[in-house]
Structure formats: C-alpha cells, structure tokens
Amino acid sequence: MFEYLMPLLVMPTYEHTLLDETYRAVVERQIEYGRERGVAWGISESRNNKTDVQLNYQYHAFGVRAWGSSAGWRKTW
C-alpha cells in the first residue's frame, strides 16, 4: 500500500484525477480486505520480520492479491 501512496509525499493531488481515484480506491480496498479477513488493514511488506541465518531480512510479498502485478504472483498465495 505504501507504494501506491508514496507520491503524496512529494507531490500534490487534485480531486477526480487518476491518481486521486487510485489513492482512494487503494485505501477503500485495503479497509474492505481487512474487514473480510478480520485483520488490520494497510499492512506492508515491511512488517515481515523473518531473517536468515546471517540475520538478513527476508522479503515476502503479501497483501491484496487482486493488485499483484508480477507474473505468477497470484498463484503463489
């Protein structure tokens, strides 16, 4: 979710633009996703706290599956 909202850190948004509609849709869908599953909404990959034997953090993608954009991402869930 952070990646969708990150542009707001450095640029303004204007009502009814594609970016504005995207921001709103992302937040609404995250809230809906959380309610459906009884979990917190707005989760991010940064909450993944796994490390390997050398204490390197291990990335694991998760979130709203319908937004997955890389090939095969939806199949890995």
PDB file of N, CA and C in Angstrom:
ATOM      1  N   MET A   1       0.819  -1.183   0.000  1.00  0.00           N
ATOM      2  CA  MET A   1       0.000   0.000   0.000  1.00  0.00           C
ATOM      3  C   MET A   1       0.866   1.251   0.000  1.00  0.00           C
ATOM      4  N   PHE A   2       1.996   1.180   0.677  1.00  0.00           N
ATOM      5  CA  PHE A   2       2.887   2.335   0.733  1.00  0.00           C
ATOM      6  C   PHE A   2       3.272   2.823  -0.656  1.00  0.00           C
ATOM      7  N   GLU A   3       3.557   1.882  -1.536  1.00  0.00           N
ATOM      8  CA  GLU A   3       3.988   2.259  -2.882  1.00  0.00           C
ATOM      9  C   GLU A   3       2.912   3.050  -3.615  1.00  0.00           C
ATOM     10  N   TYR A   4       1.653   2.712  -3.391  1.00  0.00           N
ATOM     11  CA  TYR A   4       0.570   3.449  -4.028  1.00  0.00           C
ATOM     12  C   TYR A   4       0.459   4.872  -3.490  1.00  0.00           C
ATOM     13  N   LEU A   5       0.709   5.039  -2.209  1.00  0.00           N
ATOM     14  CA  LEU A   5       0.518   6.343  -1.575  1.00  0.00           C
ATOM     15  C   LEU A   5       1.779   7.202  -1.544  1.00  0.00           C
ATOM     16  N   MET A   6       2.908   6.621  -1.865  1.00  0.00           N
ATOM     17  CA  MET A   6       4.180   7.334  -1.785  1.00  0.00           C
ATOM     18  C   MET A   6       4.216   8.647  -2.575  1.00  0.00           C
ATOM     19  N   PRO A   7       3.639   8.739  -3.762  1.00  0.00           N
ATOM     20  CA  PRO A   7       3.698  10.022  -4.483  1.00  0.00           C
ATOM     21  C   PRO A   7       3.132  11.198  -3.691  1.00  0.00           C
ATOM     22  N   LEU A   8       2.213  10.930  -2.774  1.00  0.00           N
ATOM     23  CA  LEU A   8       1.642  12.006  -1.963  1.00  0.00           C
ATOM     24  C   LEU A   8       2.681  12.675  -1.064  1.00  0.00           C
ATOM     25  N   LEU A   9       3.791  12.009  -0.830  1.00  0.00           N
ATOM     26  CA  LEU A   9       4.847  12.599  -0.005  1.00  0.00           C
ATOM     27  C   LEU A   9       5.558  13.747  -0.710  1.00  0.00           C
ATOM     28  N   VAL A  10       5.558  13.729  -2.030  1.00  0.00           N
ATOM     29  CA  VAL A  10       6.366  14.706  -2.764  1.00  0.00           C
ATOM     30  C   VAL A  10       5.586  15.538  -3.786  1.00  0.00           C
ATOM     31  N   MET A  11       4.311  15.227  -3.985  1.00  0.00           N
ATOM     32  CA  MET A  11       3.554  15.991  -4.972  1.00  0.00           C
ATOM     33  C   MET A  11       2.099  16.135  -4.545  1.00  0.00           C
ATOM     34  N   PRO A  12       1.464  17.195  -4.980  1.00  0.00           N
ATOM     35  CA  PRO A  12       0.057  17.391  -4.609  1.00  0.00           C
ATOM     36  C   PRO A  12      -0.856  16.453  -5.394  1.00  0.00           C
ATOM     37  N   THR A  13      -2.052  16.291  -4.894  1.00  0.00           N
ATOM     38  CA  THR A  13      -3.069  15.544  -5.627  1.00  0.00           C
ATOM     39  C   THR A  13      -4.228  16.481  -5.917  1.00  0.00           C
ATOM     40  N   TYR A  14      -4.956  16.175  -6.943  1.00  0.00           N
ATOM     41  CA  TYR A  14      -6.093  17.001  -7.333  1.00  0.00           C
ATOM     42  C   TYR A  14      -7.310  16.098  -7.469  1.00  0.00           C
ATOM     43  N   GLU A  15      -8.434  16.547  -6.938  1.00  0.00           N
ATOM     44  CA  GLU A  15      -9.652  15.743  -6.955  1.00  0.00           C
ATOM     45  C   GLU A  15     -10.026  15.289  -8.359  1.00  0.00           C
ATOM     46  N   HIS A  16     -10.534  14.082  -8.411  1.00  0.00           N
ATOM     47  CA  HIS A  16     -11.074  13.481  -9.635  1.00  0.00           C
ATOM     48  C   HIS A  16     -10.032  13.203 -10.711  1.00  0.00           C
ATOM     49  N   THR A  17      -8.765  13.187 -10.347  1.00  0.00           N
ATOM     50  CA  THR A  17      -7.730  12.777 -11.298  1.00  0.00           C
ATOM     51  C   THR A  17      -7.500  11.274 -11.140  1.00  0.00           C
ATOM     52  N   LEU A  18      -6.786  10.695 -12.075  1.00  0.00           N
ATOM     53  CA  LEU A  18      -6.497   9.270 -11.993  1.00  0.00           C
ATOM     54  C   LEU A  18      -5.747   8.924 -10.704  1.00  0.00           C
ATOM     55  N   LEU A  19      -4.777   9.743 -10.336  1.00  0.00           N
ATOM     56  CA  LEU A  19      -4.030   9.474  -9.096  1.00  0.00           C
ATOM     57  C   LEU A  19      -4.924   9.594  -7.874  1.00  0.00           C
ATOM     58  N   ASP A  20      -5.760  10.593  -7.827  1.00  0.00           N
ATOM     59  CA  ASP A  20      -6.667  10.780  -6.698  1.00  0.00           C
ATOM     60  C   ASP A  20      -7.615   9.588  -6.570  1.00  0.00           C
ATOM     61  N   GLU A  21      -8.166   9.153  -7.670  1.00  0.00           N
ATOM     62  CA  GLU A  21      -9.060   7.998  -7.645  1.00  0.00           C
ATOM     63  C   GLU A  21      -8.317   6.731  -7.223  1.00  0.00           C
ATOM     64  N   THR A  22      -7.078   6.604  -7.652  1.00  0.00           N
ATOM     65  CA  THR A  22      -6.265   5.443  -7.263  1.00  0.00           C
ATOM     66  C   THR A  22      -6.019   5.438  -5.763  1.00  0.00           C
ATOM     67  N   TYR A  23      -5.622   6.580  -5.201  1.00  0.00           N
ATOM     68  CA  TYR A  23      -5.370   6.657  -3.758  1.00  0.00           C
ATOM     69  C   TYR A  23      -6.605   6.235  -2.978  1.00  0.00           C
ATOM     70  N   ARG A  24      -7.728   6.770  -3.374  1.00  0.00           N
ATOM     71  CA  ARG A  24      -8.972   6.456  -2.657  1.00  0.00           C
ATOM     72  C   ARG A  24      -9.347   4.988  -2.793  1.00  0.00           C
ATOM     73  N   ALA A  25      -9.219   4.449  -3.999  1.00  0.00           N
ATOM     74  CA  ALA A  25      -9.567   3.044  -4.229  1.00  0.00           C
ATOM     75  C   ALA A  25      -8.663   2.103  -3.443  1.00  0.00           C
ATOM     76  N   VAL A  26      -7.380   2.417  -3.367  1.00  0.00           N
ATOM     77  CA  VAL A  26      -6.423   1.581  -2.636  1.00  0.00           C
ATOM     78  C   VAL A  26      -6.792   1.523  -1.155  1.00  0.00           C
ATOM     79  N   VAL A  27      -7.068   2.667  -0.573  1.00  0.00           N
ATOM     80  CA  VAL A  27      -7.409   2.701   0.850  1.00  0.00           C
ATOM     81  C   VAL A  27      -8.742   1.997   1.090  1.00  0.00           C
ATOM     82  N   GLU A  28      -9.739   2.264   0.252  1.00  0.00           N
ATOM     83  CA  GLU A  28     -11.031   1.602   0.416  1.00  0.00           C
ATOM     84  C   GLU A  28     -10.907   0.089   0.305  1.00  0.00           C
ATOM     85  N   ARG A  29     -10.139  -0.384  -0.657  1.00  0.00           N
ATOM     86  CA  ARG A  29      -9.982  -1.831  -0.836  1.00  0.00           C
ATOM     87  C   ARG A  29      -9.201  -2.456   0.315  1.00  0.00           C
ATOM     88  N   GLN A  30      -8.202  -1.759   0.822  1.00  0.00           N
ATOM     89  CA  GLN A  30      -7.455  -2.272   1.976  1.00  0.00           C
ATOM     90  C   GLN A  30      -8.375  -2.424   3.183  1.00  0.00           C
ATOM     91  N   ILE A  31      -9.229  -1.432   3.420  1.00  0.00           N
ATOM     92  CA  ILE A  31     -10.163  -1.498   4.546  1.00  0.00           C
ATOM     93  C   ILE A  31     -11.112  -2.680   4.356  1.00  0.00           C
ATOM     94  N   GLU A  32     -11.641  -2.828   3.160  1.00  0.00           N
ATOM     95  CA  GLU A  32     -12.545  -3.932   2.855  1.00  0.00           C
ATOM     96  C   GLU A  32     -11.847  -5.278   3.037  1.00  0.00           C
ATOM     97  N   TYR A  33     -10.636  -5.389   2.541  1.00  0.00           N
ATOM     98  CA  TYR A  33      -9.843  -6.620   2.665  1.00  0.00           C
ATOM     99  C   TYR A  33      -9.636  -6.978   4.135  1.00  0.00           C
ATOM    100  N   GLY A  34      -9.299  -5.997   4.941  1.00  0.00           N
ATOM    101  CA  GLY A  34      -9.106  -6.233   6.365  1.00  0.00           C
ATOM    102  C   GLY A  34     -10.372  -6.697   7.056  1.00  0.00           C
ATOM    103  N   ARG A  35     -11.492  -6.056   6.724  1.00  0.00           N
ATOM    104  CA  ARG A  35     -12.778  -6.450   7.317  1.00  0.00           C
ATOM    105  C   ARG A  35     -13.162  -7.872   6.926  1.00  0.00           C
ATOM    106  N   GLU A  36     -12.963  -8.220   5.662  1.00  0.00           N
ATOM    107  CA  GLU A  36     -13.304  -9.562   5.186  1.00  0.00           C
ATOM    108  C   GLU A  36     -12.556 -10.642   5.949  1.00  0.00           C
ATOM    109  N   ARG A  37     -11.333 -10.348   6.337  1.00  0.00           N
ATOM    110  CA  ARG A  37     -10.477 -11.349   6.976  1.00  0.00           C
ATOM    111  C   ARG A  37     -10.284 -11.132   8.472  1.00  0.00           C
ATOM    112  N   GLY A  38     -10.863 -10.077   9.005  1.00  0.00           N
ATOM    113  CA  GLY A  38     -10.718  -9.799  10.432  1.00  0.00           C
ATOM    114  C   GLY A  38      -9.295  -9.455  10.822  1.00  0.00           C
ATOM    115  N   VAL A  39      -8.578  -8.765   9.921  1.00  0.00           N
ATOM    116  CA  VAL A  39      -7.193  -8.367  10.189  1.00  0.00           C
ATOM    117  C   VAL A  39      -7.053  -6.857  10.016  1.00  0.00           C
ATOM    118  N   ALA A  40      -5.936  -6.345  10.445  1.00  0.00           N
ATOM    119  CA  ALA A  40      -5.655  -4.923  10.279  1.00  0.00           C
ATOM    120  C   ALA A  40      -5.507  -4.601   8.801  1.00  0.00           C
ATOM    121  N   TRP A  41      -5.917  -3.422   8.402  1.00  0.00           N
ATOM    122  CA  TRP A  41      -5.747  -3.022   7.009  1.00  0.00           C
ATOM    123  C   TRP A  41      -4.527  -2.125   6.909  1.00  0.00           C
ATOM    124  N   GLY A  42      -4.022  -1.964   5.685  1.00  0.00           N
ATOM    125  CA  GLY A  42      -2.856  -1.112   5.466  1.00  0.00           C
ATOM    126  C   GLY A  42      -1.542  -1.805   5.740  1.00  0.00           C
ATOM    127  N   ILE A  43      -1.554  -3.127   5.780  1.00  0.00           N
ATOM    128  CA  ILE A  43      -0.320  -3.853   6.067  1.00  0.00           C
ATOM    129  C   ILE A  43       0.685  -3.684   4.935  1.00  0.00           C
ATOM    130  N   SER A  44       1.918  -3.830   5.262  1.00  0.00           N
ATOM    131  CA  SER A  44       3.000  -3.627   4.308  1.00  0.00           C
ATOM    132  C   SER A  44       4.008  -4.751   4.428  1.00  0.00           C
ATOM    133  N   GLU A  45       4.758  -4.957   3.361  1.00  0.00           N
ATOM    134  CA  GLU A  45       5.814  -5.967   3.397  1.00  0.00           C
ATOM    135  C   GLU A  45       6.826  -5.687   4.503  1.00  0.00           C
ATOM    136  N   SER A  46       6.934  -4.442   4.930  1.00  0.00           N
ATOM    137  CA  SER A  46       7.912  -4.102   5.953  1.00  0.00           C
ATOM    138  C   SER A  46       7.595  -4.753   7.298  1.00  0.00           C
ATOM    139  N   ARG A  47       6.402  -5.254   7.458  1.00  0.00           N
ATOM    140  CA  ARG A  47       6.064  -5.910   8.725  1.00  0.00           C
ATOM    141  C   ARG A  47       6.598  -7.337   8.778  1.00  0.00           C
ATOM    142  N   ASN A  48       7.143  -7.823   7.673  1.00  0.00           N
ATOM    143  CA  ASN A  48       7.704  -9.169   7.645  1.00  0.00           C
ATOM    144  C   ASN A  48       9.015  -9.166   8.421  1.00  0.00           C
ATOM    145  N   ASN A  49       9.074  -9.920   9.492  1.00  0.00           N
ATOM    146  CA  ASN A  49      10.204  -9.858  10.410  1.00  0.00           C
ATOM    147  C   ASN A  49      11.076 -11.108  10.367  1.00  0.00           C
ATOM    148  N   LYS A  50      11.109 -11.802   9.246  1.00  0.00           N
ATOM    149  CA  LYS A  50      11.919 -13.018   9.161  1.00  0.00           C
ATOM    150  C   LYS A  50      13.338 -12.687   8.729  1.00  0.00           C
ATOM    151  N   THR A  51      14.287 -13.425   9.292  1.00  0.00           N
ATOM    152  CA  THR A  51      15.689 -13.265   8.905  1.00  0.00           C
ATOM    153  C   THR A  51      16.270 -14.638   8.592  1.00  0.00           C
ATOM    154  N   ASP A  52      17.323 -14.630   7.795  1.00  0.00           N
ATOM    155  CA  ASP A  52      18.017 -15.891   7.523  1.00  0.00           C
ATOM    156  C   ASP A  52      19.083 -16.107   8.592  1.00  0.00           C
ATOM    157  N   VAL A  53      19.906 -17.125   8.424  1.00  0.00           N
ATOM    158  CA  VAL A  53      20.918 -17.443   9.443  1.00  0.00           C
ATOM    159  C   VAL A  53      21.969 -16.353   9.601  1.00  0.00           C
ATOM    160  N   GLN A  54      22.117 -15.501   8.588  1.00  0.00           N
ATOM    161  CA  GLN A  54      23.066 -14.383   8.672  1.00  0.00           C
ATOM    162  C   GLN A  54      22.386 -13.082   9.111  1.00  0.00           C
ATOM    163  N   LEU A  55      21.136 -13.199   9.560  1.00  0.00           N
ATOM    164  CA  LEU A  55      20.327 -12.081  10.049  1.00  0.00           C
ATOM    165  C   LEU A  55      19.969 -11.055   8.968  1.00  0.00           C
ATOM    166  N   ASN A  56      19.932 -11.510   7.707  1.00  0.00           N
ATOM    167  CA  ASN A  56      19.444 -10.653   6.625  1.00  0.00           C
ATOM    168  C   ASN A  56      17.922 -10.770   6.575  1.00  0.00           C
ATOM    169  N   TYR A  57      17.253  -9.630   6.498  1.00  0.00           N
ATOM    170  CA  TYR A  57      15.795  -9.665   6.419  1.00  0.00           C
ATOM    171  C   TYR A  57      15.348 -10.325   5.128  1.00  0.00           C
ATOM    172  N   GLN A  58      14.316 -11.128   5.231  1.00  0.00           N
ATOM    173  CA  GLN A  58      13.769 -11.849   4.086  1.00  0.00           C
ATOM    174  C   GLN A  58      12.463 -11.209   3.658  1.00  0.00           C
ATOM    175  N   TYR A  59      12.382 -10.825   2.413  1.00  0.00           N
ATOM    176  CA  TYR A  59      11.198 -10.180   1.868  1.00  0.00           C
ATOM    177  C   TYR A  59      10.156 -11.224   1.519  1.00  0.00           C
ATOM    178  N   HIS A  60       8.922 -10.951   1.857  1.00  0.00           N
ATOM    179  CA  HIS A  60       7.807 -11.818   1.469  1.00  0.00           C
ATOM    180  C   HIS A  60       6.634 -10.935   1.077  1.00  0.00           C
ATOM    181  N   ALA A  61       6.227 -11.002  -0.163  1.00  0.00           N
ATOM    182  CA  ALA A  61       5.107 -10.186  -0.629  1.00  0.00           C
ATOM    183  C   ALA A  61       3.791 -10.729  -0.084  1.00  0.00           C
ATOM    184  N   PHE A  62       2.942  -9.848   0.341  1.00  0.00           N
ATOM    185  CA  PHE A  62       1.598 -10.200   0.766  1.00  0.00           C
ATOM    186  C   PHE A  62       0.743  -8.958   0.668  1.00  0.00           C
ATOM    187  N   GLY A  63      -0.526  -9.138   0.814  1.00  0.00           N
ATOM    188  CA  GLY A  63      -1.445  -8.014   0.708  1.00  0.00           C
ATOM    189  C   GLY A  63      -2.665  -8.407  -0.099  1.00  0.00           C
ATOM    190  N   VAL A  64      -3.285  -7.448  -0.754  1.00  0.00           N
ATOM    191  CA  VAL A  64      -4.490  -7.700  -1.538  1.00  0.00           C
ATOM    192  C   VAL A  64      -4.085  -8.356  -2.846  1.00  0.00           C
ATOM    193  N   ARG A  65      -4.419  -9.627  -3.003  1.00  0.00           N
ATOM    194  CA  ARG A  65      -3.970 -10.402  -4.162  1.00  0.00           C
ATOM    195  C   ARG A  65      -4.371  -9.793  -5.492  1.00  0.00           C
ATOM    196  N   ALA A  66      -5.529  -9.220  -5.571  1.00  0.00           N
ATOM    197  CA  ALA A  66      -6.016  -8.679  -6.850  1.00  0.00           C
ATOM    198  C   ALA A  66      -5.098  -7.602  -7.398  1.00  0.00           C
ATOM    199  N   TRP A  67      -4.247  -7.030  -6.566  1.00  0.00           N
ATOM    200  CA  TRP A  67      -3.346  -5.968  -7.016  1.00  0.00           C
ATOM    201  C   TRP A  67      -1.997  -6.487  -7.479  1.00  0.00           C
ATOM    202  N   GLY A  68      -1.761  -7.771  -7.326  1.00  0.00           N
ATOM    203  CA  GLY A  68      -0.472  -8.331  -7.725  1.00  0.00           C
ATOM    204  C   GLY A  68      -0.203  -8.096  -9.196  1.00  0.00           C
ATOM    205  N   SER A  69       0.968  -7.570  -9.511  1.00  0.00           N
ATOM    206  CA  SER A  69       1.249  -7.232 -10.903  1.00  0.00           C
ATOM    207  C   SER A  69       2.331  -8.101 -11.535  1.00  0.00           C
ATOM    208  N   SER A  70       3.127  -8.786 -10.751  1.00  0.00           N
ATOM    209  CA  SER A  70       4.189  -9.593 -11.347  1.00  0.00           C
ATOM    210  C   SER A  70       3.652 -10.951 -11.783  1.00  0.00           C
ATOM    211  N   ALA A  71       4.254 -11.514 -12.776  1.00  0.00           N
ATOM    212  CA  ALA A  71       3.804 -12.793 -13.358  1.00  0.00           C
ATOM    213  C   ALA A  71       3.804 -13.885 -12.285  1.00  0.00           C
ATOM    214  N   GLY A  72       2.706 -14.581 -12.158  1.00  0.00           N
ATOM    215  CA  GLY A  72       2.612 -15.685 -11.231  1.00  0.00           C
ATOM    216  C   GLY A  72       2.387 -15.307  -9.790  1.00  0.00           C
ATOM    217  N   TRP A  73       2.340 -14.037  -9.465  1.00  0.00           N
ATOM    218  CA  TRP A  73       2.206 -13.605  -8.078  1.00  0.00           C
ATOM    219  C   TRP A  73       0.948 -14.142  -7.445  1.00  0.00           C
ATOM    220  N   ARG A  74      -0.160 -14.093  -8.142  1.00  0.00           N
ATOM    221  CA  ARG A  74      -1.427 -14.548  -7.577  1.00  0.00           C
ATOM    222  C   ARG A  74      -1.415 -16.056  -7.310  1.00  0.00           C
ATOM    223  N   LYS A  75      -0.631 -16.799  -8.064  1.00  0.00           N
ATOM    224  CA  LYS A  75      -0.581 -18.252  -7.893  1.00  0.00           C
ATOM    225  C   LYS A  75       0.213 -18.659  -6.660  1.00  0.00           C
ATOM    226  N   THR A  76       1.064 -17.779  -6.147  1.00  0.00           N
ATOM    227  CA  THR A  76       1.921 -18.137  -5.017  1.00  0.00           C
ATOM    228  C   THR A  76       1.200 -18.035  -3.692  1.00  0.00           C
ATOM    229  N   TRP A  77      -0.034 -17.578  -3.700  1.00  0.00           N
ATOM    230  CA  TRP A  77      -0.770 -17.433  -2.450  1.00  0.00           C
ATOM    231  C   TRP A  77      -1.613 -18.617  -2.198  1.00  0.00           C
TER     232      TRP A  77
END
